[in-house]
């Protein structure tokens, strides 16, 4: 019987432990927190967007996103749904591919998974920090703050640096580097952005729907529509999280990053000019701030007009067609320089990590060290918002668990 140690009791580690134990291995999971699955509990605002029915390698970033293809095919949605049913977990499947536990509670996911892992005979040791991993001949030694144990195989499923308040660390990268693995520089993803603006903090708390265009080195890169929220540090909202991976990666590489906000995405530019002209004609005696209150949040109007250099008390009847077109252009392309992200503490996940070029994508085993495996977010694979990161964690954990037990 193979004796296996899994470092990290998150989604990938728990999944690997379950499948390895079911295949006949003797499995121990080491978790430095006082309980496993803390990120599972915190995900999806406590609802846990557990998987996405549409996942493919196109939904991931990294030096080689295609690395995820095999794992995603092995754990396709139909297989995962059957697996969930087998551990007592029913799913609520949304039209856009996102899935949640039917209970609408992340706690349900963790309870079901922990129960399955326990039933399989996996030993979970919490409050045990692994300080070093070494290999001698065919055995690995796992050193903790308390003792040293010997194992046939090791899985590093420690996650990333994202959300250190939940216990996230860079330990996995240190272990990997000690065995000669390359670490692709890490950066926060699914994270809020900081803006270079004198007015964003004055609009803090204002939420609206916008089309967000990410601009890198002067070129349009990504365009998404969704909610945005101005904050004291810059800007947040689902649309911002959706462009944040590319923004964060570009900032890390010292590229110039900005965003352009189309505050009325339901209209194309010509339609917007016509809408504004008709609106102004119907309220010709109003000042421009009052006139725009039927189109945009009032706080946004104040600072939009400031950027347009139009006094707020300007009577709309005094505006000429050229000035109206200029205003419509700003509403459709209000640009802000992005200076930074809100950091790993506020990031849902991390990009970068252990280079996938040194990992066998069909087994998750190191190409450098026999018996050493990696799964989940510690690898240089990061997904979009919408359940994709759990998707890869479950899939890579399952493959690693099965393979380690052989």
Foldseek 3Di string as FASTA:
>chain_A
DFEEEEEAQALLRLLLLLLLLLLPYAYEYEAQAQDHHLLLCPPPVQFGQQAFQPDALVQKDFPDSNLLHVLCVVCHPVNVQVVCVVLPWHWDADPRRTITTPVSGSVVVVVSSVVSSVVSPYHYDYSWDFDAWDDDVQWIWTDTPPGIDIGRFYEYAQAALFACVSVRDLVSQVHCVVLPFDWFDKWFALFAFFFDDPCLQVQAADKAWWWKFKAWQRHTDDIDIFMKGRHNRGIHGQNRRQCRVVVGVRVVVVIWIKMWIQRCVVDDLVVLLVVLVVLCVVQQAAFPLVSCVVPDPSSVSVVLCVVLVHDRRHGSNPDDSVSSSSSSVCNGTVMTTTNHTPGSNRGSHMAIAGECVQADSQQQAGVRDPRYGYFARNYRMDGGPRNHRSSRSSSRSSSNSNNNSD
